[in-house]
Protein backbone atom coordinates (compact mmCIF):
# COMPACT_ATOMS: atom_id res chain seq x y z
CA MET A 1 -39.81 5.82 37.76
CA HIS A 2 -42.20 2.96 38.53
CA LYS A 3 -40.21 2.13 41.68
CA ASN A 4 -40.33 5.76 42.83
CA ARG A 5 -44.12 5.85 42.37
CA MET A 6 -44.45 2.69 44.48
CA LEU A 7 -42.31 4.14 47.28
CA PHE A 8 -44.28 7.39 47.21
CA ALA A 9 -47.59 5.52 47.35
CA ALA A 10 -46.43 3.41 50.32
CA ALA A 11 -45.26 6.48 52.22
CA ALA A 12 -48.47 8.33 51.48
CA ALA A 13 -50.56 5.40 52.66
CA ALA A 14 -48.62 5.16 55.92
CA MET A 15 -49.01 8.88 56.52
CA ALA A 16 -52.74 8.63 55.82
CA VAL A 17 -53.10 5.82 58.35
CA LEU A 18 -51.31 7.84 61.00
CA ALA A 19 -53.48 10.83 60.23
CA GLY A 20 -56.59 8.71 60.70
CA THR A 21 -57.84 9.06 57.10
CA VAL A 22 -57.54 5.33 56.42
CA ALA A 23 -59.06 2.68 58.69
CA PRO A 24 -56.42 0.31 60.09
CA ALA A 25 -56.65 -3.43 59.62
CA ALA A 26 -58.49 -5.03 62.50
CA ALA A 27 -56.19 -6.58 65.08
CA SER A 28 -56.98 -10.29 65.20
CA GLY A 29 -55.45 -13.73 65.39
CA THR A 30 -54.06 -13.28 61.91
CA GLY A 31 -53.26 -9.60 62.24
CA THR A 32 -49.91 -7.88 62.07
CA GLY A 33 -48.21 -6.29 65.05
CA THR A 34 -44.83 -4.57 64.92
CA GLY A 35 -43.54 -7.01 62.36
CA GLN A 36 -45.19 -10.19 63.65
CA GLN A 37 -47.93 -12.22 61.95
CA GLY A 38 -49.51 -15.06 63.90
CA THR A 39 -51.65 -15.88 66.89
CA THR A 40 -52.47 -12.94 69.14
CA CYS A 41 -51.89 -13.42 72.88
CA THR A 42 -53.73 -11.24 75.41
CA ASP A 43 -52.69 -10.10 78.90
CA VAL A 44 -49.47 -12.11 78.97
CA LYS A 45 -47.21 -11.84 82.01
CA LEU A 46 -43.49 -12.63 81.99
CA PRO A 47 -42.38 -12.92 85.64
CA GLY A 48 -39.05 -14.19 86.94
CA THR A 49 -36.18 -13.71 89.37
CA LEU A 50 -32.45 -13.66 88.77
CA PRO A 51 -29.68 -13.77 91.37
CA VAL A 52 -27.09 -11.05 91.31
CA PRO A 53 -23.80 -12.86 90.72
CA PRO A 54 -20.46 -11.86 92.22
CA PRO A 55 -18.88 -8.63 90.99
CA GLY A 56 -17.56 -8.93 87.47
CA MET A 57 -20.37 -11.24 86.30
CA SER A 58 -23.94 -10.79 85.04
CA ALA A 59 -26.93 -13.13 85.09
CA GLN A 60 -29.03 -13.06 81.90
CA GLN A 61 -32.13 -14.87 80.65
CA ASP A 62 -34.26 -14.87 77.50
CA VAL A 63 -38.02 -15.40 77.75
CA SER A 64 -40.12 -16.01 74.63
CA ILE A 65 -43.85 -16.24 73.92
CA GLY A 66 -44.61 -19.91 73.29
CA ALA A 67 -47.18 -21.56 71.02
CA ASP A 68 -49.77 -21.60 73.82
CA CYS A 69 -49.08 -17.93 74.67
CA ALA A 70 -47.26 -19.02 77.85
CA PRO A 71 -43.72 -17.80 78.63
CA VAL A 72 -40.89 -20.11 77.63
CA LEU A 73 -37.96 -19.57 79.98
CA GLY A 74 -34.48 -19.77 78.58
CA GLN A 75 -31.49 -20.98 80.56
CA VAL A 76 -29.99 -18.52 83.04
CA ARG A 77 -26.53 -17.60 81.79
CA PHE A 78 -23.65 -16.16 83.78
CA VAL A 79 -21.33 -14.08 81.63
CA PRO A 80 -18.47 -11.71 82.40
CA VAL A 81 -19.27 -8.01 82.62
CA VAL A 82 -17.38 -5.92 80.08
CA PRO A 83 -14.45 -4.01 81.63
CA ALA A 84 -16.08 -0.60 81.13
CA ASP A 85 -19.13 -1.61 83.17
CA ARG A 86 -16.93 -3.08 85.88
CA ALA A 87 -14.93 0.14 86.11
CA ARG A 88 -18.11 2.17 86.52
CA SER A 89 -19.30 -0.13 89.31
CA LEU A 90 -16.07 0.31 91.24
CA ALA A 91 -16.19 4.07 90.78
CA VAL A 92 -19.70 4.27 92.21
CA ALA A 93 -18.76 2.21 95.27
CA GLY A 94 -15.97 4.66 96.11
CA ALA A 95 -12.62 4.05 97.78
CA ASP A 96 -13.92 5.19 101.20
CA ALA A 97 -16.94 2.85 101.15
CA PRO A 98 -15.57 -0.72 100.92
CA THR A 99 -18.99 -2.19 101.79
CA GLY A 100 -20.75 -0.30 98.98
CA ARG A 101 -22.49 -2.27 96.24
CA GLN A 102 -24.04 -1.52 92.89
CA VAL A 103 -26.60 -3.62 91.00
CA ARG A 104 -27.68 -2.99 87.43
CA SER A 105 -30.83 -4.52 85.95
CA TRP A 106 -32.31 -4.52 82.47
CA SER A 107 -35.74 -5.59 81.22
CA GLU A 108 -36.15 -5.43 77.44
CA MET A 109 -39.03 -6.46 75.16
CA TYR A 110 -38.38 -7.38 71.53
CA ASP A 111 -40.66 -8.20 68.61
CA CYS A 112 -40.14 -11.06 66.17
CA CYS A 113 -37.80 -8.92 64.05
CA LYS A 114 -35.45 -8.38 67.01
CA ILE A 115 -36.49 -4.74 67.34
CA ARG A 116 -36.35 -3.54 70.93
CA MET A 117 -39.82 -2.11 71.52
CA THR A 118 -39.65 -1.09 75.20
CA ALA A 119 -37.16 -1.36 78.04
CA LEU A 120 -36.62 -0.46 81.70
CA TYR A 121 -33.14 -0.11 83.21
CA THR A 122 -32.14 0.44 86.83
CA THR A 123 -28.89 1.09 88.68
CA SER A 124 -29.13 0.61 92.46
CA THR A 125 -26.42 1.43 94.99
CA TRP A 126 -26.37 0.93 98.73
CA ASP A 127 -24.03 0.54 101.71
CA THR A 128 -24.05 -1.90 104.61
CA VAL A 129 -23.39 -0.97 108.23
CA ASN A 130 -23.34 -3.74 110.83
CA GLY A 131 -25.20 -6.04 108.49
CA GLN A 132 -27.89 -3.44 107.71
CA VAL A 133 -28.63 -1.79 104.39
CA THR A 134 -28.19 1.98 104.31
CA ASN A 135 -28.41 4.73 101.69
CA PRO A 136 -30.26 2.81 98.94
CA VAL A 137 -30.42 4.90 95.77
CA THR A 138 -31.81 3.87 92.38
CA GLU A 139 -31.46 5.57 89.02
CA VAL A 140 -33.96 4.63 86.30
CA SER A 141 -33.83 4.96 82.51
CA HIS A 142 -36.06 3.78 79.66
CA ALA A 143 -36.09 3.01 75.96
CA ALA A 144 -38.96 3.03 73.45
CA ASN A 145 -38.84 2.34 69.72
CA ARG A 146 -40.11 5.26 67.66
CA GLU A 147 -41.39 5.27 64.08
CA PRO A 148 -41.41 8.00 61.43
CA TRP A 149 -43.96 10.82 61.64
CA ASN A 150 -43.75 10.98 65.45
CA ALA A 151 -45.31 7.57 66.00
CA GLY A 152 -44.43 4.27 67.67
CA TRP A 153 -43.86 3.27 71.29
CA SER A 154 -43.69 5.94 74.00
CA LEU A 155 -43.34 6.09 77.78
CA THR A 156 -46.66 6.99 79.44
CA THR A 157 -45.74 6.82 83.13
CA SER A 158 -42.81 5.86 85.35
CA HIS A 159 -42.00 5.87 89.04
CA LYS A 160 -39.62 4.31 91.56
CA SER A 161 -39.41 3.72 95.30
CA GLU A 162 -36.57 3.09 97.73
CA GLN A 163 -37.45 1.42 101.03
CA GLU A 164 -34.44 1.43 103.30
CA SER A 165 -36.26 -0.41 106.11
CA GLY A 166 -37.22 -3.26 103.77
CA ALA A 167 -34.01 -3.12 101.75
CA VAL A 168 -36.08 -3.07 98.54
CA VAL A 169 -36.03 -0.75 95.56
CA THR A 170 -38.66 -0.88 92.83
CA ALA A 171 -39.11 0.67 89.40
CA HIS A 172 -42.25 0.79 87.25
CA ALA A 173 -42.71 1.92 83.66
CA GLU A 174 -45.73 1.84 81.36
CA PHE A 175 -45.49 2.18 77.58
CA GLY A 176 -48.18 2.72 74.97
CA TYR A 177 -48.14 2.32 71.21
CA ARG A 178 -49.75 4.44 68.51
CA GLY A 179 -48.43 4.06 65.02
CA ILE A 180 -48.45 2.16 61.76
CA PHE A 181 -49.76 -1.08 63.28
CA ASP A 182 -52.50 0.53 65.38
CA ILE A 183 -53.61 4.15 65.04
CA SER A 184 -56.08 3.97 67.95
CA GLY A 185 -53.39 3.64 70.63
CA ASN A 186 -55.61 1.19 72.52
CA TRP A 187 -54.32 -2.18 71.35
CA TYR A 188 -50.70 -2.46 72.51
CA ALA A 189 -49.33 -1.66 75.97
CA ASN A 190 -46.22 -2.95 77.74
CA THR A 191 -45.67 -2.58 81.48
CA HIS A 192 -42.27 -3.25 83.06
CA ASP A 193 -41.75 -3.78 86.81
CA THR A 194 -38.37 -4.43 88.40
CA THR A 195 -37.64 -5.06 92.07
CA VAL A 196 -34.11 -5.26 93.46
CA ARG A 197 -33.84 -6.78 96.93
CA LEU A 198 -30.73 -5.69 98.82
CA ASN A 199 -29.24 -7.75 101.62
CA GLY A 200 -27.06 -6.75 104.54
CA ASP A 201 -24.43 -9.33 103.57
CA GLY A 202 -23.92 -7.56 100.24
CA THR A 203 -25.93 -9.99 98.12
CA ALA A 204 -28.98 -9.06 96.07
CA SER A 205 -31.60 -10.41 93.66
CA CYS A 206 -33.64 -8.94 90.80
CA THR A 207 -37.31 -9.74 90.22
CA PHE A 208 -38.95 -8.88 86.92
CA ASP A 209 -42.51 -8.74 85.65
CA ILE A 210 -43.56 -7.64 82.17
CA THR A 211 -47.25 -7.40 81.34
CA LEU A 212 -48.25 -7.28 77.67
CA ARG A 213 -51.79 -6.18 76.76
CA HIS A 214 -51.45 -7.83 73.35
CA THR A 215 -48.49 -9.74 72.02
CA PHE A 216 -47.67 -12.35 69.41
CA ILE A 217 -46.01 -15.73 69.43
CA GLY A 218 -42.35 -15.12 68.68
CA TRP A 219 -41.92 -11.92 70.70
CA ASN A 220 -39.32 -12.25 73.45
CA SER A 221 -37.87 -10.54 76.48
CA VAL A 222 -34.25 -10.23 77.60
CA ARG A 223 -33.57 -9.56 81.28
CA GLY A 224 -30.48 -9.45 83.40
CA CYS A 225 -28.71 -8.41 86.60
CA SER A 226 -25.10 -7.58 87.29
């Protein structure tokens, strides 16, 4: 019975915070943010570029928030693509378009508890004719971690562009947070930008940039291209 009362009290307190009837703890250097306690970092950017490896492989990299709030770049890893992903890539290229290519990118942001907070994914396809890029098309998808009572991270805006003349496709996504760790909705914000540069010889590269309004040491990003 005592345990049930404790659980009920915790749930009621969380609901009261979300309803705005209880003032949240001030966000500070010793505050708590989506599971992380420690030094707060402000306006952190996590840029980087990955090559697109040959078909059947993916390039991946982890980036963490270091002790000085600067990004700590992990080693770029080249790992085999799972067979299901490889089959989808071949299907998109099509039997009648031997010069067709597909590039997938992912940009994910995790907190210290390995919870994926926000993410931007792209799938870009294009053809080459006489060494020139034609028919660039990009599909975009997103992910945002939600909390009970209709709270948590949410997508606020997203757009993409496909520039055939410059052989560049871009995707942009902005996420906001309003929930247990900040009821104002003004403290946390993650912005993901991904650019895929397509080349006439069939090669490509992925450039990433994540901007974090507030973050904590120990948060990390996972990005990749295949």
